[in-house]
Amino acid sequence: MVNAADRDPRHHTQKMQVRLQEMMDHLREDIVDVDEPQLKAMFETAAEVLGGLKKAFGDYEKKNEPAWK
């Protein structure tokens, strides 16, 4: 059975933002564990892309972009 919280879009956007942040943190932590400069760059780039996606979820939640109004 689906409860009221599961139907609230904010419940889902907040969960996704937490998961995206966890992935960003993990990628950045792993940068120090690898020696290959290209892989370090890929990890940082991936973290930046996820940061943009996290921001998009936050913008949707706050309805502060024209597309979400």
N, C-alpha and C. Protein backbone atom coordinates (compact mmCIF):
# COMPACT_ATOMS: atom_id res chain seq x y z
N MET A 1 0.84 -1.18 0.00
CA MET A 1 0.00 0.00 0.00
C MET A 1 0.89 1.25 0.00
N VAL A 2 0.53 2.22 -0.80
CA VAL A 2 1.28 3.46 -0.90
C VAL A 2 0.74 4.44 0.13
N ASN A 3 1.66 5.00 0.93
CA ASN A 3 1.21 5.98 1.92
C ASN A 3 1.32 7.40 1.35
N ALA A 4 0.83 8.37 2.09
CA ALA A 4 0.78 9.75 1.62
C ALA A 4 2.18 10.30 1.33
N ALA A 5 3.16 9.95 2.16
CA ALA A 5 4.53 10.44 1.95
C ALA A 5 5.08 9.96 0.62
N ASP A 6 4.74 8.73 0.23
CA ASP A 6 5.24 8.19 -1.04
C ASP A 6 4.65 8.91 -2.25
N ARG A 7 3.53 9.55 -2.07
CA ARG A 7 2.89 10.28 -3.17
C ARG A 7 3.40 11.72 -3.27
N ASP A 8 4.05 12.20 -2.24
CA ASP A 8 4.56 13.57 -2.21
C ASP A 8 5.83 13.65 -3.05
N PRO A 9 5.84 14.46 -4.12
CA PRO A 9 7.04 14.57 -4.95
C PRO A 9 8.29 14.98 -4.16
N ARG A 10 8.11 15.80 -3.13
CA ARG A 10 9.27 16.23 -2.34
C ARG A 10 9.95 15.05 -1.65
N HIS A 11 9.18 14.08 -1.25
CA HIS A 11 9.74 12.88 -0.63
C HIS A 11 10.75 12.24 -1.60
N HIS A 12 10.37 12.14 -2.84
CA HIS A 12 11.22 11.51 -3.85
C HIS A 12 12.40 12.40 -4.25
N THR A 13 12.15 13.69 -4.42
CA THR A 13 13.26 14.58 -4.81
C THR A 13 14.30 14.66 -3.71
N GLN A 14 13.87 14.67 -2.48
CA GLN A 14 14.83 14.72 -1.37
C GLN A 14 15.64 13.43 -1.26
N LYS A 15 14.99 12.30 -1.46
CA LYS A 15 15.70 11.03 -1.44
C LYS A 15 16.74 10.98 -2.56
N MET A 16 16.37 11.44 -3.74
CA MET A 16 17.30 11.42 -4.87
C MET A 16 18.48 12.36 -4.62
N GLN A 17 18.21 13.50 -4.03
CA GLN A 17 19.31 14.43 -3.73
C GLN A 17 20.30 13.83 -2.74
N VAL A 18 19.81 13.11 -1.77
CA VAL A 18 20.69 12.44 -0.81
C VAL A 18 21.54 11.40 -1.51
N ARG A 19 20.91 10.60 -2.35
CA ARG A 19 21.65 9.54 -3.06
C ARG A 19 22.67 10.13 -4.02
N LEU A 20 22.30 11.19 -4.72
CA LEU A 20 23.25 11.82 -5.63
C LEU A 20 24.43 12.39 -4.85
N GLN A 21 24.17 13.00 -3.70
CA GLN A 21 25.26 13.53 -2.88
C GLN A 21 26.18 12.42 -2.39
N GLU A 22 25.59 11.30 -2.01
CA GLU A 22 26.40 10.16 -1.58
C GLU A 22 27.32 9.70 -2.71
N MET A 23 26.79 9.64 -3.92
CA MET A 23 27.60 9.22 -5.06
C MET A 23 28.69 10.25 -5.35
N MET A 24 28.36 11.53 -5.28
CA MET A 24 29.36 12.58 -5.49
C MET A 24 30.49 12.45 -4.46
N ASP A 25 30.13 12.26 -3.21
CA ASP A 25 31.13 12.10 -2.15
C ASP A 25 32.01 10.89 -2.40
N HIS A 26 31.39 9.80 -2.81
CA HIS A 26 32.13 8.57 -3.07
C HIS A 26 33.12 8.77 -4.21
N LEU A 27 32.68 9.37 -5.29
CA LEU A 27 33.57 9.64 -6.42
C LEU A 27 34.76 10.50 -5.99
N ARG A 28 34.48 11.54 -5.23
CA ARG A 28 35.57 12.44 -4.82
C ARG A 28 36.51 11.77 -3.82
N GLU A 29 35.99 10.91 -2.98
CA GLU A 29 36.85 10.16 -2.07
C GLU A 29 37.76 9.22 -2.84
N ASP A 30 37.25 8.62 -3.90
CA ASP A 30 38.04 7.67 -4.69
C ASP A 30 39.12 8.34 -5.53
N ILE A 31 39.01 9.63 -5.74
CA ILE A 31 40.04 10.35 -6.52
C ILE A 31 41.41 10.16 -5.88
N VAL A 32 41.48 10.16 -4.57
CA VAL A 32 42.79 10.02 -3.90
C VAL A 32 43.29 8.58 -3.94
N ASP A 33 42.42 7.63 -4.27
CA ASP A 33 42.81 6.22 -4.28
C ASP A 33 43.37 5.75 -5.62
N VAL A 34 43.25 6.55 -6.65
CA VAL A 34 43.72 6.14 -7.98
C VAL A 34 44.90 7.01 -8.40
N ASP A 35 45.76 6.41 -9.24
CA ASP A 35 46.95 7.13 -9.69
C ASP A 35 46.80 7.70 -11.10
N GLU A 36 45.89 7.20 -11.86
CA GLU A 36 45.76 7.61 -13.26
C GLU A 36 45.05 8.97 -13.36
N PRO A 37 45.72 9.98 -13.92
CA PRO A 37 45.13 11.32 -14.01
C PRO A 37 43.81 11.35 -14.79
N GLN A 38 43.69 10.53 -15.84
CA GLN A 38 42.45 10.53 -16.62
C GLN A 38 41.28 10.00 -15.79
N LEU A 39 41.53 9.00 -14.97
CA LEU A 39 40.47 8.47 -14.12
C LEU A 39 40.09 9.47 -13.03
N LYS A 40 41.08 10.16 -12.48
CA LYS A 40 40.78 11.22 -11.51
C LYS A 40 39.88 12.27 -12.14
N ALA A 41 40.21 12.65 -13.38
CA ALA A 41 39.41 13.65 -14.09
C ALA A 41 38.00 13.14 -14.35
N MET A 42 37.88 11.85 -14.72
CA MET A 42 36.57 11.29 -14.97
C MET A 42 35.74 11.28 -13.69
N PHE A 43 36.35 10.90 -12.57
CA PHE A 43 35.62 10.90 -11.30
C PHE A 43 35.14 12.31 -10.95
N GLU A 44 36.00 13.30 -11.12
CA GLU A 44 35.61 14.68 -10.80
C GLU A 44 34.52 15.16 -11.75
N THR A 45 34.65 14.84 -13.03
CA THR A 45 33.63 15.23 -14.00
C THR A 45 32.29 14.58 -13.67
N ALA A 46 32.32 13.31 -13.33
CA ALA A 46 31.08 12.61 -12.96
C ALA A 46 30.45 13.26 -11.73
N ALA A 47 31.26 13.62 -10.75
CA ALA A 47 30.74 14.27 -9.55
C ALA A 47 30.10 15.61 -9.90
N GLU A 48 30.72 16.36 -10.81
CA GLU A 48 30.15 17.65 -11.23
C GLU A 48 28.82 17.46 -11.96
N VAL A 49 28.74 16.46 -12.83
CA VAL A 49 27.50 16.18 -13.55
C VAL A 49 26.40 15.81 -12.57
N LEU A 50 26.72 14.96 -11.61
CA LEU A 50 25.73 14.58 -10.60
C LEU A 50 25.30 15.78 -9.77
N GLY A 51 26.25 16.70 -9.53
CA GLY A 51 25.90 17.93 -8.81
C GLY A 51 24.88 18.76 -9.58
N GLY A 52 25.02 18.80 -10.90
CA GLY A 52 24.03 19.50 -11.71
C GLY A 52 22.67 18.83 -11.64
N LEU A 53 22.67 17.52 -11.66
CA LEU A 53 21.42 16.78 -11.54
C LEU A 53 20.79 16.99 -10.17
N LYS A 54 21.61 16.99 -9.14
CA LYS A 54 21.10 17.25 -7.78
C LYS A 54 20.47 18.64 -7.71
N LYS A 55 21.12 19.62 -8.34
CA LYS A 55 20.58 20.98 -8.38
C LYS A 55 19.24 21.00 -9.10
N ALA A 56 19.13 20.25 -10.20
CA ALA A 56 17.88 20.20 -10.95
C ALA A 56 16.74 19.64 -10.10
N PHE A 57 17.04 18.60 -9.30
CA PHE A 57 16.02 18.07 -8.39
C PHE A 57 15.61 19.12 -7.37
N GLY A 58 16.59 19.86 -6.85
CA GLY A 58 16.28 20.92 -5.89
C GLY A 58 15.48 22.04 -6.52
N ASP A 59 15.82 22.40 -7.76
CA ASP A 59 15.07 23.44 -8.47
C ASP A 59 13.62 22.99 -8.70
N TYR A 60 13.45 21.72 -9.05
CA TYR A 60 12.10 21.20 -9.23
C TYR A 60 11.31 21.30 -7.93
N GLU A 61 11.96 20.91 -6.85
CA GLU A 61 11.31 20.92 -5.54
C GLU A 61 10.88 22.33 -5.14
N LYS A 62 11.74 23.30 -5.43
CA LYS A 62 11.46 24.69 -5.05
C LYS A 62 10.66 25.44 -6.11
N LYS A 63 10.50 24.80 -7.27
CA LYS A 63 9.78 25.42 -8.40
C LYS A 63 10.39 26.77 -8.76
N ASN A 64 11.73 26.88 -8.69
CA ASN A 64 12.38 28.15 -8.97
C ASN A 64 12.96 28.25 -10.37
N GLU A 65 12.57 27.36 -11.25
CA GLU A 65 12.93 27.44 -12.66
C GLU A 65 11.62 27.50 -13.46
N PRO A 66 11.62 28.28 -14.53
CA PRO A 66 10.37 28.40 -15.33
C PRO A 66 9.80 27.05 -15.78
N ALA A 67 10.65 26.09 -16.08
CA ALA A 67 10.16 24.79 -16.55
C ALA A 67 9.36 24.06 -15.49
N TRP A 68 9.57 24.35 -14.23
CA TRP A 68 8.90 23.62 -13.15
C TRP A 68 7.67 24.34 -12.62
N LYS A 69 7.33 25.46 -13.20
CA LYS A 69 6.17 26.23 -12.70
C LYS A 69 4.91 25.82 -13.43
